[in-house]
């Protein structure tokens, strides 16, 4: 089924199923097709609301006693950097100069083995069948720190196989198409390599001085180079994945060394820490500079970990939400 696009049976744990219905039941007002351009400050230096464009493109002001950001590792620094003022000329909550810096992704490779036997590998859940963290921790003999996770997944559905969501790209149209399709469909198995990216100051999000969105808000420009450590991690991961597939009987192995369509989670650009000079938020997600401004997304991560971050992001967000709930009366003190 079309599980990547939501679940018609509501079996998938997406936020429209797990969180929003209860939040709305408890009184949350969800404003869709709204685009926030700036967080505003009171004369005392507290966040007092946001300016946003509504679905008609009309500028509106939403006042707030506490402001919480959850715009991911690109959207959160973009909004903070665009929220300049006399108090924060370099961007809101940016006295450390670290808003937007230390951008991390998850470098992601996919290695596909093609087998003689029909594995019926198009059947089953679309997610991982097996996860291995044998190579997740630092091994000093390898010459790099941290490591990678293997995610073993089934083969693709018919269109995925034909149009190239698997390594090797689309199957060329023409007389040979059916032959190649028959060799791959149901006969392939994929091992994905998810590497742990490390925080590097030069990898960052900045405001684009040339490009704006349809409401005139400056776009985000990504400045990122895959670091030497991450490159070594991916090289080793691909080597071991090829070794595993060949040992399992694959007669052909196809490698996509950096898969554009998957991974690349957005992390690290408003780093969490105890020192306001070396981090943006404290241990409960509160910005060091503005005591009623919180960040609850993956931008607070200090490293990426070689795993999908959604569960951890949710856990951190719930932890910070509990703190706000239990201390809301005193946050402005």
Protein backbone atom coordinates (compact mmCIF):
# COMPACT_ATOMS: atom_id res chain seq x y z
CA UNK A 1 0.00 0.00 0.00
CA UNK A 2 0.95 3.69 -0.17
CA UNK A 3 2.47 3.67 3.32
CA UNK A 4 4.96 6.41 2.50
CA UNK A 5 2.05 8.81 1.95
CA UNK A 6 0.05 8.02 5.09
CA UNK A 7 -2.10 5.05 5.97
CA UNK A 8 -5.71 4.77 4.81
CA UNK A 9 -6.39 2.35 7.71
CA UNK A 10 -4.84 4.76 10.24
CA UNK A 11 -2.40 2.08 11.38
CA UNK A 12 0.69 4.24 10.96
CA UNK A 13 1.82 6.24 13.99
CA UNK A 14 1.95 9.62 12.27
CA UNK A 15 1.18 12.78 14.25
CA UNK A 16 -2.26 13.21 12.69
CA UNK A 17 -3.17 9.95 14.47
CA UNK A 18 -1.04 9.99 17.62
CA UNK A 19 -0.96 13.60 18.82
CA UNK A 20 -3.18 16.08 17.01
CA UNK A 21 -6.63 14.59 17.77
CA UNK A 22 -5.98 14.63 21.52
CA UNK A 23 -4.39 18.08 21.41
CA UNK A 24 -7.37 19.54 19.55
CA UNK A 25 -9.74 17.79 21.96
CA UNK A 26 -7.94 19.58 24.81
CA UNK A 27 -8.38 22.96 23.19
CA UNK A 28 -5.42 23.45 20.85
CA UNK A 29 -6.24 25.58 17.81
CA UNK A 30 -4.42 24.36 14.70
CA UNK A 31 -3.87 27.09 12.10
CA UNK A 32 -2.99 25.45 8.80
CA UNK A 33 -1.51 27.13 5.72
CA UNK A 34 0.10 29.69 8.03
CA UNK A 35 3.74 30.70 7.70
CA UNK A 36 5.58 32.31 10.62
CA UNK A 37 8.10 34.96 9.61
CA UNK A 38 9.35 36.31 12.93
CA UNK A 39 9.25 35.86 16.69
CA UNK A 40 8.60 39.16 18.45
CA UNK A 41 10.07 40.44 21.71
CA UNK A 42 8.80 42.59 24.53
CA UNK A 43 10.88 45.54 25.80
CA UNK A 44 11.97 43.24 28.64
CA UNK A 45 13.52 40.80 26.16
CA UNK A 46 10.85 38.11 26.43
CA UNK A 47 9.19 36.39 23.49
CA UNK A 48 5.67 37.81 23.29
CA UNK A 49 4.35 36.21 20.10
CA UNK A 50 4.91 35.65 16.40
CA UNK A 51 4.18 37.41 13.13
CA UNK A 52 2.76 35.11 10.48
CA UNK A 53 1.10 35.13 7.08
CA UNK A 54 -2.29 33.41 6.97
CA UNK A 55 -3.71 31.30 4.16
CA UNK A 56 -4.68 34.47 2.26
CA UNK A 57 -1.18 35.90 2.56
CA UNK A 58 -2.28 38.52 5.09
CA UNK A 59 0.16 39.36 7.88
CA UNK A 60 -1.16 38.53 11.35
CA UNK A 61 0.15 38.75 14.93
CA UNK A 62 -0.31 35.93 17.44
CA UNK A 63 0.48 36.90 21.01
CA UNK A 64 1.87 34.29 23.40
CA UNK A 65 3.15 33.96 26.94
CA UNK A 66 5.47 31.10 25.97
CA UNK A 67 6.77 30.35 22.46
CA UNK A 68 7.79 26.82 21.43
CA UNK A 69 9.61 26.10 18.16
CA UNK A 70 9.46 22.76 16.35
CA UNK A 71 10.55 23.65 12.82
CA UNK A 72 13.42 21.11 12.41
CA UNK A 73 17.12 21.69 11.84
CA UNK A 74 16.53 24.01 8.88
CA UNK A 75 13.29 25.82 9.72
CA UNK A 76 14.15 26.63 13.34
CA UNK A 77 17.45 28.46 12.66
CA UNK A 78 15.88 30.14 9.65
CA UNK A 79 13.17 31.63 11.85
CA UNK A 80 15.58 32.62 14.62
CA UNK A 81 18.02 34.25 12.19
CA UNK A 82 15.15 36.17 10.60
CA UNK A 83 13.97 37.42 14.01
CA UNK A 84 16.46 40.26 14.38
CA UNK A 85 16.03 43.22 16.72
CA UNK A 86 18.07 45.82 18.56
CA UNK A 87 18.52 43.26 21.33
CA UNK A 88 19.52 40.48 18.92
CA UNK A 89 20.97 41.98 15.72
CA UNK A 90 22.51 38.64 14.73
CA UNK A 91 19.33 36.65 15.18
CA UNK A 92 17.17 35.73 18.14
CA UNK A 93 18.81 33.64 20.90
CA UNK A 94 22.10 33.83 19.03
CA UNK A 95 24.53 35.41 21.49
CA UNK A 96 26.71 32.30 21.08
CA UNK A 97 26.80 32.68 17.30
CA UNK A 98 25.81 29.02 17.00
CA UNK A 99 22.26 29.33 15.64
CA UNK A 100 22.39 27.51 12.32
CA UNK A 101 25.82 25.96 12.90
CA UNK A 102 26.77 22.31 13.53
CA UNK A 103 24.25 21.09 10.95
CA UNK A 104 24.15 17.31 10.86
CA UNK A 105 22.43 14.88 8.53
CA UNK A 106 22.42 11.11 8.31
CA UNK A 107 24.60 10.15 5.34
CA UNK A 108 22.70 7.25 3.84
CA UNK A 109 23.83 4.60 1.38
CA UNK A 110 21.87 1.71 -0.08
CA UNK A 111 23.43 -1.53 -1.25
CA UNK A 112 21.24 -3.91 -3.24
CA UNK A 113 21.92 -7.58 -3.79
CA UNK A 114 20.25 -9.42 -6.68
CA UNK A 115 19.62 -13.15 -6.23
CA UNK A 116 18.80 -16.00 -8.61
CA UNK A 117 15.97 -17.28 -6.44
CA UNK A 118 12.63 -15.53 -6.14
CA UNK A 119 12.66 -14.08 -2.63
CA UNK A 120 9.19 -12.51 -2.96
CA UNK A 121 10.96 -9.53 -1.43
CA UNK A 122 8.16 -7.15 -2.44
CA UNK A 123 5.98 -8.60 0.33
CA UNK A 124 5.79 -7.37 3.90
CA UNK A 125 6.09 -4.02 5.68
CA UNK A 126 7.86 -1.21 3.90
CA UNK A 127 10.05 -0.48 6.89
CA UNK A 128 13.19 -2.27 8.07
CA UNK A 129 13.08 -6.02 8.58
CA UNK A 130 16.39 -6.22 10.47
CA UNK A 131 18.53 -3.61 12.20
CA UNK A 132 22.15 -4.34 13.13
CA UNK A 133 24.29 -2.08 15.30
CA UNK A 134 27.35 -4.31 15.32
CA UNK A 135 29.38 -1.43 13.86
CA UNK A 136 27.66 1.42 15.72
CA UNK A 137 30.32 2.15 18.36
CA UNK A 138 33.83 3.53 17.90
CA UNK A 139 36.42 0.95 16.86
CA UNK A 140 39.86 2.54 17.21
CA UNK A 141 41.32 0.17 14.60
CA UNK A 142 39.13 1.67 11.86
CA UNK A 143 40.62 5.17 11.90
CA UNK A 144 37.35 7.00 12.56
CA UNK A 145 35.07 7.66 15.52
CA UNK A 146 31.51 6.41 15.95
CA UNK A 147 30.03 4.20 13.25
CA UNK A 148 26.98 3.08 11.32
CA UNK A 149 23.79 1.06 11.54
CA UNK A 150 22.65 -1.54 9.02
CA UNK A 151 18.97 -1.45 8.07
CA UNK A 152 17.89 -4.48 6.07
CA UNK A 153 14.77 -3.90 4.01
CA UNK A 154 12.67 -5.76 1.52
CA UNK A 155 12.73 -5.18 -2.21
CA UNK A 156 10.63 -2.53 -3.89
CA UNK A 157 7.09 -2.59 -5.21
CA UNK A 158 6.66 -2.68 -9.01
CA UNK A 159 6.87 1.07 -9.61
CA UNK A 160 9.68 1.50 -7.08
CA UNK A 161 11.65 -1.18 -8.89
CA UNK A 162 10.99 0.17 -12.37
CA UNK A 163 11.42 3.87 -11.65
CA UNK A 164 14.57 3.65 -9.60
CA UNK A 165 13.95 4.07 -5.89
CA UNK A 166 16.34 1.13 -5.57
CA UNK A 167 20.11 1.38 -6.23
CA UNK A 168 21.03 1.33 -9.88
CA UNK A 169 18.49 3.95 -10.88
CA UNK A 170 15.49 3.58 -13.20
CA UNK A 171 15.38 0.55 -15.44
CA UNK A 172 15.97 1.85 -18.97
CA UNK A 173 12.87 1.84 -21.16
CA UNK A 174 12.98 -0.33 -24.26
CA UNK A 175 13.31 -3.93 -25.36
CA UNK A 176 15.46 -4.90 -22.37
CA UNK A 177 13.16 -3.35 -19.74
CA UNK A 178 11.09 -6.45 -18.99
CA UNK A 179 14.14 -8.68 -18.75
CA UNK A 180 15.92 -6.44 -16.23
CA UNK A 181 12.69 -5.87 -14.30
CA UNK A 182 12.13 -9.62 -14.01
CA UNK A 183 15.69 -10.08 -12.75
CA UNK A 184 15.23 -7.49 -10.00
CA UNK A 185 11.58 -7.61 -8.95
CA UNK A 186 11.19 -9.99 -6.03
CA UNK A 187 14.82 -11.06 -6.39
CA UNK A 188 16.52 -8.21 -4.57
CA UNK A 189 17.35 -7.37 -0.98
CA UNK A 190 18.63 -4.05 0.31
CA UNK A 191 21.02 -3.13 3.10
CA UNK A 192 21.00 0.54 3.99
CA UNK A 193 23.97 2.13 5.73
CA UNK A 194 23.03 4.94 8.13
CA UNK A 195 26.14 6.80 9.27
CA UNK A 196 26.57 8.97 12.35
CA UNK A 197 27.33 12.48 11.17
CA UNK A 198 29.33 14.64 13.58
CA UNK A 199 28.81 18.34 14.41
CA UNK A 200 31.15 20.58 12.43
CA UNK A 201 30.93 24.34 12.82
CA UNK A 202 31.28 25.10 9.10
CA UNK A 203 28.21 23.01 8.25
CA UNK A 204 25.38 25.45 8.73
CA UNK A 205 22.11 27.11 7.75
CA UNK A 206 22.18 30.78 6.76
CA UNK A 207 19.55 33.12 5.37
CA UNK A 208 19.61 33.37 1.59
CA UNK A 209 20.05 36.97 0.45
CA UNK A 210 18.82 36.16 -3.07
CA UNK A 211 15.84 33.82 -2.62
CA UNK A 212 12.59 34.40 -0.73
CA UNK A 213 9.42 32.38 -0.39
CA UNK A 214 6.05 33.54 -1.72
CA UNK A 215 5.50 35.70 1.37
CA UNK A 216 8.83 37.44 0.95
CA UNK A 217 10.55 35.65 3.85
CA UNK A 218 14.26 34.94 3.16
CA UNK A 219 14.90 31.33 2.27
CA UNK A 220 17.37 29.03 4.01
CA UNK A 221 20.68 28.24 2.33
CA UNK A 222 22.44 25.01 3.26
CA UNK A 223 26.23 25.09 3.49
CA UNK A 224 27.33 21.50 4.04
CA UNK A 225 30.30 19.30 3.19
CA UNK A 226 30.43 15.63 4.10
CA UNK A 227 33.27 15.45 6.62
CA UNK A 228 36.29 13.16 6.42
CA UNK A 229 35.09 11.09 9.38
CA UNK A 230 31.62 10.60 7.87
CA UNK A 231 33.16 9.67 4.51
CA UNK A 232 35.25 6.94 6.15
CA UNK A 233 32.20 5.66 8.02
CA UNK A 234 30.21 5.34 4.80
CA UNK A 235 33.07 3.68 2.92
CA UNK A 236 33.44 1.02 5.61
CA UNK A 237 29.67 0.51 5.84
CA UNK A 238 29.33 -0.05 2.10
CA UNK A 239 32.22 -2.54 2.13
CA UNK A 240 30.62 -4.59 4.91
CA UNK A 241 27.16 -4.47 3.29
CA UNK A 242 28.59 -5.77 0.00
CA UNK A 243 30.40 -8.50 1.91
CA UNK A 244 27.17 -9.57 3.66
CA UNK A 245 25.11 -9.70 0.46
CA UNK A 246 27.76 -11.61 -1.48
CA UNK A 247 28.09 -14.09 1.38
CA UNK A 248 24.30 -14.54 1.24
CA UNK A 249 24.44 -15.58 -2.42
CA UNK A 250 23.84 -12.37 -4.36
CA UNK A 251 25.24 -12.71 -7.89
CA UNK A 252 25.23 -8.94 -8.42
CA UNK A 253 25.59 -6.07 -5.95
CA UNK A 254 24.57 -2.52 -6.86
CA UNK A 255 25.64 0.44 -4.72
CA UNK A 256 24.16 3.90 -4.31
CA UNK A 257 26.85 5.55 -2.12
CA UNK A 258 24.72 8.54 -1.07
CA UNK A 259 21.00 8.07 -1.47
CA UNK A 260 19.35 11.43 -2.12
CA UNK A 261 15.80 10.28 -1.36
CA UNK A 262 16.28 8.94 2.18
CA UNK A 263 17.98 9.71 5.46
CA UNK A 264 19.42 13.22 5.70
CA UNK A 265 17.56 14.04 8.90
CA UNK A 266 17.88 17.69 9.95
CA UNK A 267 19.78 17.99 13.21
CA UNK A 268 22.10 20.04 15.37
CA UNK A 269 21.60 23.71 14.49
CA UNK A 270 20.49 24.96 17.95
CA UNK A 271 22.75 22.83 20.11
CA UNK A 272 21.74 21.87 23.66
CA UNK A 273 24.19 22.43 26.50
CA UNK A 274 24.85 23.98 29.90
CA UNK A 275 27.21 26.75 28.73
CA UNK A 276 25.50 29.68 27.00
CA UNK A 277 28.73 30.47 25.14
CA UNK A 278 28.89 27.05 23.49
CA UNK A 279 25.20 26.17 23.06
CA UNK A 280 21.82 27.71 22.19
CA UNK A 281 19.41 25.93 24.57
CA UNK A 282 19.77 24.46 28.05
CA UNK A 283 18.92 20.95 29.23
CA UNK A 284 15.17 21.58 29.12
CA UNK A 285 15.14 23.13 25.64
CA UNK A 286 14.93 26.72 26.87
CA UNK A 287 17.09 29.20 24.98
CA UNK A 288 19.82 30.68 27.13
CA UNK A 289 19.03 34.21 25.90
CA UNK A 290 15.21 34.25 26.08
CA UNK A 291 13.78 32.40 29.06
CA UNK A 292 10.27 31.84 27.65
CA UNK A 293 11.42 30.56 24.24
CA UNK A 294 11.77 26.77 23.89
CA UNK A 295 12.96 24.50 21.07
CA UNK A 296 11.74 20.88 20.90
CA UNK A 297 12.95 19.55 17.52
CA UNK A 298 16.05 17.74 16.29
CA UNK A 299 18.02 20.95 16.00
CA UNK A 300 18.90 20.63 19.71
CA UNK A 301 20.82 17.35 19.13
CA UNK A 302 24.55 17.43 19.91
CA UNK A 303 25.33 14.47 17.66
CA UNK A 304 23.25 12.58 15.13
CA UNK A 305 23.55 8.95 16.25
CA UNK A 306 23.41 6.32 13.54
CA UNK A 307 19.66 5.75 13.97
CA UNK A 308 16.46 7.37 12.78
CA UNK A 309 15.79 10.25 15.21
CA UNK A 310 11.98 10.43 15.30
CA UNK A 311 11.46 8.50 18.54
CA UNK A 312 14.20 10.47 20.29
CA UNK A 313 12.80 13.79 19.05
CA UNK A 314 9.38 12.80 20.39
CA UNK A 315 10.87 11.77 23.75
CA UNK A 316 12.78 15.06 24.07
CA UNK A 317 9.68 17.05 23.07
CA UNK A 318 7.55 15.27 25.67
CA UNK A 319 10.23 15.80 28.32
CA UNK A 320 10.36 19.54 27.57
CA UNK A 321 6.55 19.72 27.44
CA UNK A 322 6.38 18.20 30.92
CA UNK A 323 8.85 20.80 32.16
CA UNK A 324 6.80 23.64 30.69
CA UNK A 325 3.58 22.20 32.11
CA UNK A 326 5.03 21.79 35.60
CA UNK A 327 6.79 25.17 35.65
CA UNK A 328 4.62 27.42 33.48
CA UNK A 329 3.71 29.73 36.37
CA UNK A 330 7.35 30.47 37.13
CA UNK A 331 8.99 30.51 33.68
CA UNK A 332 8.75 34.31 33.48
CA UNK A 333 10.02 34.87 37.03
